[in-house]
N, C-alpha and C. Protein backbone atom coordinates (compact mmCIF):
# COMPACT_ATOMS: atom_id res chain seq x y z
N MET A 1 115.98 94.81 34.74
CA MET A 1 116.94 95.25 33.73
C MET A 1 116.31 96.35 32.88
N THR A 2 117.05 97.40 32.62
CA THR A 2 116.56 98.48 31.77
C THR A 2 117.26 98.43 30.42
N ALA A 3 116.61 98.97 29.42
CA ALA A 3 117.18 98.99 28.08
C ALA A 3 116.51 100.08 27.27
N ARG A 4 117.20 100.50 26.24
CA ARG A 4 116.65 101.48 25.31
C ARG A 4 116.60 100.87 23.92
N ILE A 5 115.44 101.01 23.27
CA ILE A 5 115.27 100.54 21.90
C ILE A 5 114.96 101.76 21.02
N ALA A 6 115.67 101.87 19.92
CA ALA A 6 115.41 102.93 18.95
C ALA A 6 114.49 102.39 17.87
N LEU A 7 113.31 103.00 17.72
CA LEU A 7 112.38 102.64 16.65
C LEU A 7 112.62 103.60 15.49
N VAL A 8 113.05 103.07 14.37
CA VAL A 8 113.37 103.88 13.20
C VAL A 8 112.23 103.78 12.19
N ASN A 9 111.61 104.90 11.89
CA ASN A 9 110.56 104.97 10.87
C ASN A 9 111.23 105.25 9.53
N PRO A 10 111.19 104.33 8.56
CA PRO A 10 111.86 104.55 7.29
C PRO A 10 111.14 105.51 6.34
N ASN A 11 109.92 105.96 6.68
CA ASN A 11 109.34 107.02 5.87
C ASN A 11 109.48 108.35 6.62
N THR A 12 109.11 109.43 5.96
CA THR A 12 109.39 110.76 6.51
C THR A 12 108.25 111.34 7.33
N SER A 13 107.22 110.56 7.62
CA SER A 13 106.05 111.06 8.35
C SER A 13 106.29 111.04 9.85
N LEU A 14 106.36 112.23 10.45
CA LEU A 14 106.51 112.31 11.90
C LEU A 14 105.28 111.76 12.62
N ALA A 15 104.10 111.96 12.02
CA ALA A 15 102.87 111.44 12.63
C ALA A 15 102.90 109.92 12.68
N THR A 16 103.42 109.29 11.64
CA THR A 16 103.53 107.83 11.63
C THR A 16 104.53 107.37 12.70
N THR A 17 105.63 108.09 12.83
CA THR A 17 106.59 107.74 13.88
C THR A 17 105.93 107.77 15.25
N GLU A 18 105.18 108.83 15.53
CA GLU A 18 104.53 108.95 16.83
C GLU A 18 103.50 107.86 17.05
N ALA A 19 102.74 107.52 16.02
CA ALA A 19 101.72 106.47 16.15
C ALA A 19 102.37 105.12 16.45
N MET A 20 103.47 104.81 15.75
CA MET A 20 104.14 103.54 15.98
C MET A 20 104.82 103.53 17.35
N LEU A 21 105.36 104.68 17.77
CA LEU A 21 105.96 104.75 19.10
C LEU A 21 104.95 104.46 20.19
N ALA A 22 103.75 105.02 20.05
CA ALA A 22 102.72 104.79 21.06
C ALA A 22 102.39 103.31 21.18
N ILE A 23 102.28 102.63 20.05
CA ILE A 23 101.98 101.20 20.06
C ILE A 23 103.15 100.41 20.63
N ALA A 24 104.36 100.76 20.22
CA ALA A 24 105.54 100.04 20.71
C ALA A 24 105.70 100.21 22.22
N ARG A 25 105.44 101.40 22.71
CA ARG A 25 105.59 101.64 24.16
C ARG A 25 104.56 100.86 24.96
N ARG A 26 103.36 100.72 24.42
CA ARG A 26 102.35 99.91 25.13
C ARG A 26 102.76 98.44 25.16
N ALA A 27 103.47 98.00 24.14
CA ALA A 27 103.87 96.59 24.06
C ALA A 27 105.14 96.29 24.83
N ALA A 28 105.91 97.31 25.20
CA ALA A 28 107.22 97.09 25.81
C ALA A 28 107.09 96.67 27.27
N PRO A 29 107.97 95.80 27.72
CA PRO A 29 107.97 95.44 29.15
C PRO A 29 108.48 96.60 29.99
N GLY A 30 108.25 96.51 31.28
CA GLY A 30 108.71 97.54 32.20
C GLY A 30 110.21 97.71 32.14
N GLY A 31 110.66 98.95 32.22
CA GLY A 31 112.08 99.23 32.18
C GLY A 31 112.66 99.43 30.80
N VAL A 32 111.84 99.23 29.77
CA VAL A 32 112.31 99.40 28.40
C VAL A 32 111.84 100.76 27.88
N GLU A 33 112.79 101.58 27.51
CA GLU A 33 112.50 102.89 26.92
C GLU A 33 112.56 102.76 25.40
N ILE A 34 111.59 103.32 24.72
CA ILE A 34 111.59 103.30 23.26
C ILE A 34 111.60 104.73 22.75
N VAL A 35 112.59 105.03 21.93
CA VAL A 35 112.72 106.37 21.35
C VAL A 35 112.57 106.26 19.84
N GLY A 36 112.15 107.34 19.22
CA GLY A 36 111.86 107.32 17.79
C GLY A 36 112.84 108.12 16.96
N LEU A 37 113.12 107.61 15.77
CA LEU A 37 113.88 108.33 14.75
C LEU A 37 113.10 108.25 13.44
N THR A 38 113.12 109.31 12.69
CA THR A 38 112.37 109.38 11.43
C THR A 38 113.34 109.59 10.27
N ALA A 39 113.07 108.92 9.17
CA ALA A 39 113.93 109.04 7.98
C ALA A 39 114.11 110.51 7.60
N PRO A 40 115.35 110.95 7.36
CA PRO A 40 115.60 112.35 7.04
C PRO A 40 115.27 112.70 5.59
N PHE A 41 115.06 111.70 4.76
CA PHE A 41 114.68 111.95 3.37
C PHE A 41 113.95 110.71 2.86
N GLY A 42 113.30 110.84 1.71
CA GLY A 42 112.57 109.71 1.13
C GLY A 42 111.11 110.01 0.98
N SER A 43 110.28 108.97 1.12
CA SER A 43 108.85 109.07 0.86
C SER A 43 108.06 109.25 2.15
N HIS A 44 106.96 109.99 2.02
CA HIS A 44 106.02 110.13 3.14
C HIS A 44 105.30 108.80 3.39
N LEU A 45 105.13 108.02 2.33
CA LEU A 45 104.51 106.70 2.40
C LEU A 45 105.22 105.81 1.39
N ILE A 46 105.77 104.70 1.84
CA ILE A 46 106.55 103.81 0.97
C ILE A 46 105.59 102.87 0.24
N THR A 47 105.49 103.05 -1.09
CA THR A 47 104.53 102.25 -1.86
C THR A 47 105.16 101.55 -3.06
N THR A 48 106.42 101.82 -3.35
CA THR A 48 107.08 101.26 -4.54
C THR A 48 108.43 100.68 -4.17
N VAL A 49 108.97 99.88 -5.09
CA VAL A 49 110.29 99.28 -4.88
C VAL A 49 111.36 100.37 -4.82
N SER A 50 111.24 101.39 -5.67
CA SER A 50 112.22 102.48 -5.63
C SER A 50 112.12 103.25 -4.32
N GLY A 51 110.91 103.42 -3.82
CA GLY A 51 110.74 104.07 -2.51
C GLY A 51 111.34 103.25 -1.39
N LEU A 52 111.24 101.93 -1.51
CA LEU A 52 111.82 101.05 -0.50
C LEU A 52 113.35 101.14 -0.53
N ALA A 53 113.91 101.24 -1.74
CA ALA A 53 115.37 101.36 -1.87
C ALA A 53 115.86 102.68 -1.27
N GLU A 54 115.13 103.76 -1.53
CA GLU A 54 115.51 105.05 -0.96
C GLU A 54 115.38 105.02 0.56
N ALA A 55 114.36 104.35 1.05
CA ALA A 55 114.19 104.22 2.50
C ALA A 55 115.37 103.47 3.12
N SER A 56 115.91 102.49 2.42
CA SER A 56 117.08 101.77 2.92
C SER A 56 118.25 102.72 3.11
N ARG A 57 118.44 103.61 2.15
CA ARG A 57 119.54 104.57 2.25
C ARG A 57 119.30 105.55 3.41
N ALA A 58 118.04 105.97 3.56
CA ALA A 58 117.72 106.91 4.64
C ALA A 58 117.94 106.27 6.01
N VAL A 59 117.52 105.02 6.16
CA VAL A 59 117.71 104.31 7.44
C VAL A 59 119.20 104.15 7.73
N ALA A 60 119.96 103.75 6.73
CA ALA A 60 121.40 103.57 6.93
C ALA A 60 122.07 104.87 7.36
N SER A 61 121.58 106.01 6.84
CA SER A 61 122.19 107.29 7.18
C SER A 61 122.00 107.66 8.64
N LEU A 62 121.05 107.01 9.32
CA LEU A 62 120.78 107.31 10.72
C LEU A 62 121.69 106.56 11.69
N ALA A 63 122.50 105.65 11.18
CA ALA A 63 123.33 104.81 12.05
C ALA A 63 124.15 105.62 13.06
N PRO A 64 124.78 106.74 12.66
CA PRO A 64 125.58 107.49 13.66
C PRO A 64 124.73 108.13 14.75
N ASP A 65 123.43 108.27 14.52
CA ASP A 65 122.56 108.94 15.50
C ASP A 65 121.94 107.97 16.50
N ILE A 66 122.17 106.68 16.35
CA ILE A 66 121.51 105.69 17.18
C ILE A 66 122.35 105.40 18.42
N ALA A 67 121.76 105.70 19.58
CA ALA A 67 122.38 105.38 20.87
C ALA A 67 121.38 104.54 21.65
N ALA A 68 121.47 103.23 21.51
CA ALA A 68 120.47 102.34 22.09
C ALA A 68 121.05 100.96 22.27
N ASP A 69 120.28 100.10 22.93
CA ASP A 69 120.68 98.70 23.11
C ASP A 69 120.16 97.81 22.00
N GLY A 70 119.21 98.32 21.21
CA GLY A 70 118.65 97.58 20.10
C GLY A 70 117.89 98.53 19.20
N VAL A 71 117.60 98.08 17.99
CA VAL A 71 116.93 98.90 16.99
C VAL A 71 115.78 98.11 16.37
N ILE A 72 114.69 98.82 16.10
CA ILE A 72 113.58 98.27 15.32
C ILE A 72 113.46 99.10 14.05
N VAL A 73 113.50 98.43 12.90
CA VAL A 73 113.22 99.08 11.62
C VAL A 73 111.73 98.91 11.36
N ALA A 74 111.00 100.03 11.38
CA ALA A 74 109.54 99.97 11.44
C ALA A 74 108.86 100.26 10.12
N ALA A 75 109.28 99.53 9.09
CA ALA A 75 108.53 99.47 7.83
C ALA A 75 108.51 98.00 7.42
N PHE A 76 107.42 97.55 6.81
CA PHE A 76 107.23 96.12 6.64
C PHE A 76 108.26 95.47 5.72
N GLY A 77 108.79 96.23 4.77
CA GLY A 77 109.82 95.69 3.90
C GLY A 77 111.19 95.62 4.54
N ASP A 78 111.31 96.06 5.80
CA ASP A 78 112.57 96.07 6.55
C ASP A 78 113.70 96.79 5.80
N PRO A 79 113.43 97.97 5.23
CA PRO A 79 114.48 98.67 4.49
C PRO A 79 115.60 99.14 5.42
N GLY A 80 116.83 98.89 5.00
CA GLY A 80 117.99 99.30 5.79
C GLY A 80 118.37 98.33 6.89
N LEU A 81 117.65 97.23 7.02
CA LEU A 81 117.94 96.27 8.09
C LEU A 81 119.36 95.73 7.98
N ASP A 82 119.73 95.25 6.82
CA ASP A 82 121.07 94.68 6.64
C ASP A 82 122.14 95.74 6.80
N GLU A 83 121.87 96.95 6.31
CA GLU A 83 122.84 98.03 6.41
C GLU A 83 123.12 98.40 7.87
N LEU A 84 122.06 98.49 8.67
CA LEU A 84 122.27 98.80 10.09
C LEU A 84 122.98 97.67 10.81
N ARG A 85 122.64 96.43 10.47
CA ARG A 85 123.33 95.30 11.10
C ARG A 85 124.82 95.32 10.80
N ALA A 86 125.19 95.79 9.61
CA ALA A 86 126.60 95.84 9.24
C ALA A 86 127.33 96.96 9.96
N ARG A 87 126.59 98.00 10.38
CA ARG A 87 127.24 99.18 10.97
C ARG A 87 127.16 99.24 12.49
N LEU A 88 126.23 98.50 13.09
CA LEU A 88 126.00 98.61 14.52
C LEU A 88 126.30 97.29 15.23
N ALA A 89 126.80 97.40 16.44
CA ALA A 89 127.13 96.21 17.24
C ALA A 89 126.03 95.91 18.24
N ILE A 90 124.79 96.14 17.85
CA ILE A 90 123.63 95.86 18.70
C ILE A 90 122.58 95.13 17.84
N PRO A 91 121.62 94.45 18.46
CA PRO A 91 120.61 93.74 17.68
C PRO A 91 119.72 94.71 16.89
N VAL A 92 119.49 94.38 15.64
CA VAL A 92 118.60 95.16 14.77
C VAL A 92 117.50 94.23 14.29
N THR A 93 116.27 94.63 14.50
CA THR A 93 115.09 93.80 14.21
C THR A 93 114.17 94.54 13.26
N GLY A 94 113.63 93.84 12.27
CA GLY A 94 112.66 94.42 11.35
C GLY A 94 111.25 94.01 11.72
N ILE A 95 110.27 94.88 11.49
CA ILE A 95 108.91 94.50 11.83
C ILE A 95 108.39 93.41 10.88
N GLY A 96 108.87 93.40 9.64
CA GLY A 96 108.48 92.31 8.74
C GLY A 96 109.06 90.99 9.19
N GLU A 97 110.35 91.01 9.47
CA GLU A 97 111.03 89.82 9.99
C GLU A 97 110.31 89.29 11.23
N ALA A 98 110.00 90.16 12.17
CA ALA A 98 109.36 89.74 13.42
C ALA A 98 107.99 89.14 13.18
N ALA A 99 107.23 89.73 12.26
CA ALA A 99 105.90 89.21 11.98
C ALA A 99 105.96 87.82 11.36
N PHE A 100 106.86 87.62 10.41
CA PHE A 100 106.96 86.30 9.78
C PHE A 100 107.45 85.25 10.77
N LEU A 101 108.37 85.61 11.64
CA LEU A 101 108.83 84.65 12.65
C LEU A 101 107.71 84.32 13.64
N ALA A 102 106.89 85.32 13.98
CA ALA A 102 105.78 85.07 14.90
C ALA A 102 104.72 84.16 14.28
N ALA A 103 104.66 84.16 12.96
CA ALA A 103 103.67 83.31 12.26
C ALA A 103 104.20 81.93 11.92
N ALA A 104 105.40 81.60 12.35
CA ALA A 104 106.01 80.32 12.00
C ALA A 104 105.12 79.15 12.40
N GLY A 105 105.02 78.18 11.51
CA GLY A 105 104.23 76.99 11.77
C GLY A 105 102.75 77.11 11.45
N ARG A 106 102.34 78.29 10.98
CA ARG A 106 100.93 78.49 10.63
C ARG A 106 100.81 78.94 9.18
N ARG A 107 99.68 78.65 8.56
CA ARG A 107 99.40 79.13 7.22
C ARG A 107 99.02 80.61 7.33
N ALA A 108 99.93 81.48 6.98
CA ALA A 108 99.72 82.90 7.16
C ALA A 108 99.41 83.59 5.84
N ALA A 109 98.83 84.77 5.95
CA ALA A 109 98.62 85.64 4.80
C ALA A 109 98.93 87.06 5.22
N VAL A 110 99.46 87.84 4.30
CA VAL A 110 99.70 89.25 4.53
C VAL A 110 98.59 90.05 3.88
N VAL A 111 98.04 90.98 4.63
CA VAL A 111 97.04 91.91 4.11
C VAL A 111 97.68 93.29 4.09
N THR A 112 97.66 93.95 2.92
CA THR A 112 98.33 95.24 2.81
C THR A 112 97.70 96.10 1.73
N THR A 113 98.22 97.31 1.60
CA THR A 113 97.63 98.30 0.70
C THR A 113 98.51 98.61 -0.50
N THR A 114 99.69 97.99 -0.60
CA THR A 114 100.69 98.41 -1.59
C THR A 114 100.95 97.33 -2.64
N PRO A 115 100.22 97.34 -3.75
CA PRO A 115 100.38 96.28 -4.76
C PRO A 115 101.78 96.21 -5.36
N ASP A 116 102.46 97.35 -5.51
CA ASP A 116 103.78 97.33 -6.12
C ASP A 116 104.82 96.62 -5.25
N LEU A 117 104.53 96.48 -3.96
CA LEU A 117 105.47 95.83 -3.06
C LEU A 117 105.13 94.35 -2.82
N ALA A 118 104.06 93.86 -3.43
CA ALA A 118 103.65 92.46 -3.19
C ALA A 118 104.75 91.46 -3.54
N PRO A 119 105.44 91.60 -4.70
CA PRO A 119 106.51 90.63 -4.99
C PRO A 119 107.62 90.65 -3.94
N ALA A 120 107.98 91.84 -3.46
CA ALA A 120 109.03 91.93 -2.44
C ALA A 120 108.57 91.30 -1.13
N ILE A 121 107.29 91.45 -0.81
CA ILE A 121 106.77 90.84 0.41
C ILE A 121 106.81 89.32 0.30
N ARG A 122 106.43 88.79 -0.87
CA ARG A 122 106.46 87.33 -1.05
C ARG A 122 107.89 86.79 -0.95
N GLU A 123 108.84 87.53 -1.51
CA GLU A 123 110.24 87.10 -1.43
C GLU A 123 110.73 87.13 0.00
N MET A 124 110.38 88.17 0.75
CA MET A 124 110.77 88.24 2.15
C MET A 124 110.14 87.10 2.94
N ALA A 125 108.89 86.79 2.62
CA ALA A 125 108.22 85.67 3.29
C ALA A 125 108.96 84.36 3.04
N ARG A 126 109.39 84.15 1.80
CA ARG A 126 110.13 82.92 1.48
C ARG A 126 111.43 82.83 2.29
N ARG A 127 112.10 83.96 2.45
CA ARG A 127 113.36 83.95 3.21
C ARG A 127 113.12 83.57 4.67
N HIS A 128 111.91 83.79 5.14
CA HIS A 128 111.59 83.47 6.54
C HIS A 128 110.75 82.20 6.66
N GLY A 129 110.77 81.36 5.63
CA GLY A 129 110.16 80.05 5.73
C GLY A 129 108.70 79.95 5.35
N HIS A 130 108.14 81.00 4.73
CA HIS A 130 106.73 80.96 4.32
C HIS A 130 106.66 80.92 2.79
N ASP A 131 106.68 79.71 2.24
CA ASP A 131 106.60 79.56 0.80
C ASP A 131 105.17 79.79 0.32
N ASP A 132 105.06 80.42 -0.85
CA ASP A 132 103.74 80.64 -1.48
C ASP A 132 102.77 81.38 -0.56
N LEU A 133 103.26 82.32 0.20
CA LEU A 133 102.40 83.07 1.11
C LEU A 133 101.50 84.01 0.33
N PRO A 134 100.19 83.99 0.58
CA PRO A 134 99.29 84.90 -0.11
C PRO A 134 99.47 86.34 0.39
N VAL A 135 99.43 87.28 -0.54
CA VAL A 135 99.39 88.70 -0.22
C VAL A 135 98.06 89.23 -0.74
N VAL A 136 97.19 89.61 0.17
CA VAL A 136 95.85 90.07 -0.20
C VAL A 136 95.84 91.59 -0.13
N LEU A 137 95.43 92.22 -1.22
CA LEU A 137 95.56 93.67 -1.36
C LEU A 137 94.22 94.38 -1.27
N THR A 138 94.26 95.55 -0.68
CA THR A 138 93.09 96.43 -0.71
C THR A 138 93.02 97.10 -2.07
N PRO A 139 91.84 97.46 -2.55
CA PRO A 139 91.74 98.11 -3.86
C PRO A 139 92.04 99.60 -3.77
N GLY A 140 92.42 100.18 -4.90
CA GLY A 140 92.58 101.62 -4.98
C GLY A 140 93.97 102.11 -4.64
N ASP A 141 94.13 103.42 -4.68
CA ASP A 141 95.41 104.08 -4.44
C ASP A 141 95.75 104.05 -2.95
N PRO A 142 96.95 103.57 -2.58
CA PRO A 142 97.29 103.47 -1.15
C PRO A 142 97.27 104.81 -0.43
N GLY A 143 97.76 105.86 -1.08
CA GLY A 143 97.79 107.17 -0.44
C GLY A 143 96.41 107.69 -0.11
N ARG A 144 95.49 107.58 -1.06
CA ARG A 144 94.12 108.03 -0.82
C ARG A 144 93.45 107.21 0.27
N LEU A 145 93.72 105.92 0.27
CA LEU A 145 93.12 105.06 1.29
C LEU A 145 93.65 105.42 2.67
N MET A 146 94.95 105.66 2.79
CA MET A 146 95.54 106.02 4.08
C MET A 146 94.98 107.34 4.61
N ALA A 147 94.52 108.20 3.71
CA ALA A 147 93.99 109.50 4.12
C ALA A 147 92.57 109.42 4.64
N ASP A 148 91.94 108.25 4.55
CA ASP A 148 90.55 108.07 4.98
C ASP A 148 90.50 106.89 5.95
N PRO A 149 90.67 107.12 7.26
CA PRO A 149 90.79 106.02 8.22
C PRO A 149 89.62 105.05 8.20
N ALA A 150 88.40 105.54 8.04
CA ALA A 150 87.24 104.65 8.03
C ALA A 150 87.27 103.74 6.81
N ALA A 151 87.58 104.32 5.65
CA ALA A 151 87.67 103.51 4.42
C ALA A 151 88.82 102.52 4.50
N LEU A 152 89.92 102.94 5.12
CA LEU A 152 91.07 102.04 5.29
C LEU A 152 90.69 100.83 6.12
N LEU A 153 90.04 101.06 7.25
CA LEU A 153 89.64 99.94 8.10
C LEU A 153 88.69 99.00 7.37
N ALA A 154 87.73 99.56 6.65
CA ALA A 154 86.77 98.72 5.93
C ALA A 154 87.46 97.89 4.87
N ALA A 155 88.39 98.51 4.13
CA ALA A 155 89.09 97.79 3.06
C ALA A 155 89.98 96.70 3.64
N LEU A 156 90.69 97.00 4.73
CA LEU A 156 91.55 95.99 5.34
C LEU A 156 90.74 94.84 5.93
N LEU A 157 89.60 95.16 6.54
CA LEU A 157 88.77 94.11 7.11
C LEU A 157 88.25 93.19 6.01
N ASP A 158 87.82 93.76 4.89
CA ASP A 158 87.36 92.94 3.76
C ASP A 158 88.49 92.06 3.25
N ALA A 159 89.70 92.61 3.14
CA ALA A 159 90.84 91.83 2.68
C ALA A 159 91.20 90.72 3.67
N CYS A 160 91.05 90.99 4.96
CA CYS A 160 91.30 89.95 5.97
C CYS A 160 90.34 88.78 5.80
N HIS A 161 89.08 89.08 5.58
CA HIS A 161 88.10 88.01 5.39
C HIS A 161 88.38 87.24 4.09
N GLN A 162 88.83 87.95 3.06
CA GLN A 162 89.22 87.25 1.83
C GLN A 162 90.36 86.28 2.10
N ALA A 163 91.34 86.71 2.90
CA ALA A 163 92.48 85.86 3.20
C ALA A 163 92.06 84.59 3.92
N VAL A 164 91.10 84.71 4.82
CA VAL A 164 90.62 83.54 5.56
C VAL A 164 89.75 82.66 4.68
N ASP A 165 88.83 83.27 3.94
CA ASP A 165 87.87 82.49 3.15
C ASP A 165 88.51 81.86 1.92
N ARG A 166 89.35 82.63 1.23
CA ARG A 166 89.91 82.15 -0.04
C ARG A 166 91.16 81.31 0.17
N TYR A 167 92.00 81.72 1.10
CA TYR A 167 93.31 81.06 1.27
C TYR A 167 93.40 80.24 2.55
N ARG A 168 92.32 80.21 3.32
CA ARG A 168 92.29 79.45 4.58
C ARG A 168 93.44 79.84 5.50
N ALA A 169 93.69 81.12 5.58
CA ALA A 169 94.77 81.62 6.45
C ALA A 169 94.46 81.30 7.90
N GLU A 170 95.48 80.84 8.62
CA GLU A 170 95.37 80.55 10.05
C GLU A 170 95.89 81.70 10.90
N ALA A 171 96.58 82.63 10.27
CA ALA A 171 97.07 83.84 10.94
C ALA A 171 97.16 84.94 9.90
N LEU A 172 96.88 86.16 10.33
CA LEU A 172 96.91 87.30 9.43
C LEU A 172 97.98 88.28 9.89
N ILE A 173 98.69 88.84 8.93
CA ILE A 173 99.70 89.86 9.19
C ILE A 173 99.29 91.12 8.42
N ILE A 174 99.13 92.22 9.14
CA ILE A 174 98.88 93.49 8.47
C ILE A 174 100.22 94.07 8.06
N GLY A 175 100.46 94.15 6.76
CA GLY A 175 101.78 94.49 6.24
C GLY A 175 102.00 95.96 6.04
N GLY A 176 102.47 96.65 7.08
CA GLY A 176 102.81 98.05 6.94
C GLY A 176 102.96 98.75 8.27
N GLY A 177 104.09 99.45 8.46
CA GLY A 177 104.26 100.21 9.69
C GLY A 177 103.17 101.25 9.89
N PRO A 178 102.82 102.02 8.84
CA PRO A 178 101.74 103.01 8.99
C PRO A 178 100.36 102.39 9.25
N LEU A 179 100.26 101.07 9.08
CA LEU A 179 98.99 100.38 9.33
C LEU A 179 98.92 99.82 10.75
N ALA A 180 99.87 100.19 11.59
CA ALA A 180 99.94 99.60 12.93
C ALA A 180 98.69 99.88 13.76
N GLU A 181 98.17 101.09 13.68
CA GLU A 181 96.97 101.41 14.46
C GLU A 181 95.76 100.66 13.93
N ALA A 182 95.66 100.53 12.61
CA ALA A 182 94.57 99.75 12.02
C ALA A 182 94.65 98.30 12.46
N ALA A 183 95.85 97.76 12.55
CA ALA A 183 96.01 96.37 12.98
C ALA A 183 95.48 96.18 14.40
N ARG A 184 95.72 97.15 15.27
CA ARG A 184 95.23 97.05 16.65
C ARG A 184 93.70 97.01 16.68
N VAL A 185 93.08 97.80 15.84
CA VAL A 185 91.61 97.83 15.81
C VAL A 185 91.05 96.53 15.22
N LEU A 186 91.69 96.03 14.19
CA LEU A 186 91.16 94.88 13.46
C LEU A 186 91.36 93.56 14.19
N ARG A 187 92.28 93.50 15.13
CA ARG A 187 92.60 92.20 15.75
C ARG A 187 91.40 91.57 16.45
N HIS A 188 90.42 92.38 16.85
CA HIS A 188 89.23 91.85 17.51
C HIS A 188 88.08 91.60 16.53
N ARG A 189 88.31 91.84 15.26
CA ARG A 189 87.24 91.74 14.27
C ARG A 189 87.46 90.64 13.25
N VAL A 190 88.50 89.86 13.42
CA VAL A 190 88.80 88.80 12.45
C VAL A 190 88.74 87.45 13.16
N PRO A 191 88.47 86.37 12.41
CA PRO A 191 88.23 85.07 13.05
C PRO A 191 89.49 84.25 13.34
N VAL A 192 90.67 84.77 12.98
CA VAL A 192 91.92 84.05 13.25
C VAL A 192 92.89 85.03 13.92
N PRO A 193 93.97 84.53 14.51
CA PRO A 193 94.91 85.43 15.18
C PRO A 193 95.49 86.48 14.24
N MET A 194 95.59 87.69 14.74
CA MET A 194 96.19 88.80 14.01
C MET A 194 97.58 89.06 14.58
N ILE A 195 98.58 89.03 13.73
CA ILE A 195 99.94 89.33 14.15
C ILE A 195 100.21 90.79 13.82
N GLU A 196 100.45 91.57 14.87
CA GLU A 196 100.75 92.99 14.70
C GLU A 196 102.27 93.16 14.60
N PRO A 197 102.77 93.64 13.48
CA PRO A 197 104.22 93.68 13.29
C PRO A 197 104.98 94.52 14.31
N VAL A 198 104.44 95.67 14.72
CA VAL A 198 105.20 96.51 15.67
C VAL A 198 105.33 95.84 17.03
N PRO A 199 104.24 95.39 17.67
CA PRO A 199 104.42 94.66 18.94
C PRO A 199 105.27 93.39 18.79
N ALA A 200 105.14 92.69 17.65
CA ALA A 200 105.96 91.50 17.44
C ALA A 200 107.44 91.87 17.42
N ALA A 201 107.76 93.02 16.81
CA ALA A 201 109.15 93.46 16.75
C ALA A 201 109.67 93.89 18.11
N VAL A 202 108.81 94.52 18.91
CA VAL A 202 109.22 94.89 20.27
C VAL A 202 109.57 93.64 21.07
N ASP A 203 108.73 92.62 20.97
CA ASP A 203 108.99 91.37 21.69
C ASP A 203 110.29 90.73 21.24
N LEU A 204 110.50 90.66 19.92
CA LEU A 204 111.71 90.01 19.40
C LEU A 204 112.95 90.84 19.74
N ALA A 205 112.86 92.15 19.60
CA ALA A 205 114.00 93.01 19.93
C ALA A 205 114.39 92.86 21.40
N TRP A 206 113.40 92.82 22.27
CA TRP A 206 113.67 92.69 23.71
C TRP A 206 114.32 91.34 24.01
N ARG A 207 113.83 90.29 23.38
CA ARG A 207 114.44 88.98 23.62
C ARG A 207 115.89 88.95 23.14
N ARG A 208 116.15 89.58 22.01
CA ARG A 208 117.55 89.61 21.51
C ARG A 208 118.44 90.43 22.44
N ILE A 209 117.94 91.54 22.93
CA ILE A 209 118.72 92.35 23.87
C ILE A 209 118.98 91.58 25.16
N SER A 210 117.93 90.93 25.68
CA SER A 210 118.05 90.19 26.93
C SER A 210 119.12 89.10 26.84
N HIS A 211 119.18 88.41 25.72
CA HIS A 211 120.16 87.34 25.55
C HIS A 211 121.59 87.88 25.58
N ARG A 212 121.76 89.11 25.15
CA ARG A 212 123.11 89.71 25.16
C ARG A 212 123.55 90.03 26.59
N PHE A 213 122.57 90.25 27.48
CA PHE A 213 122.90 90.63 28.85
C PHE A 213 123.07 89.42 29.77
N VAL A 214 122.72 88.25 29.27
CA VAL A 214 122.79 87.03 30.12
C VAL A 214 124.25 86.64 30.35
């Protein structure tokens, strides 16, 4: 069976879209084509609640351009997820949603770079059955950290170890679409399973599409 999945990047970075597409394509089963769409307006990096709200509007504006069997919203806050579901008659999956569902039944923690979004992440976690989920943050400005890949990896790795040592996390979620490549690198460097949101979303999106074809 063949299918097409549209990966929607809610920020305006074309480089981030390409990086997430590469990861999603490696995770996709045979016969699944993944195409990318990038937010036409908004933030280059989503770090605030207002940026998340603007990203929701940008994602929703792309609905007429989507020609696919399923959609992945590829920002951890899942901006525009509900709006696309209301406008499209195909499965729409968020990378945050997919990560929390993949962590079901385990004591999970989110490791991320965006302190202003921590309350929204905790609320999203509660909606998906993870009460009192720890959000462990890297120090410093998210934009500056993202601009230094080596420093980003070091900061995320330290936060991962904090999550395991302090909160006894049984699974770690790297919270951020732009952090997808870092998550791939870190999965072999932490002592508990690492849930990568983009591959988790590809798996969930494919399963939802497959069920429609049965």
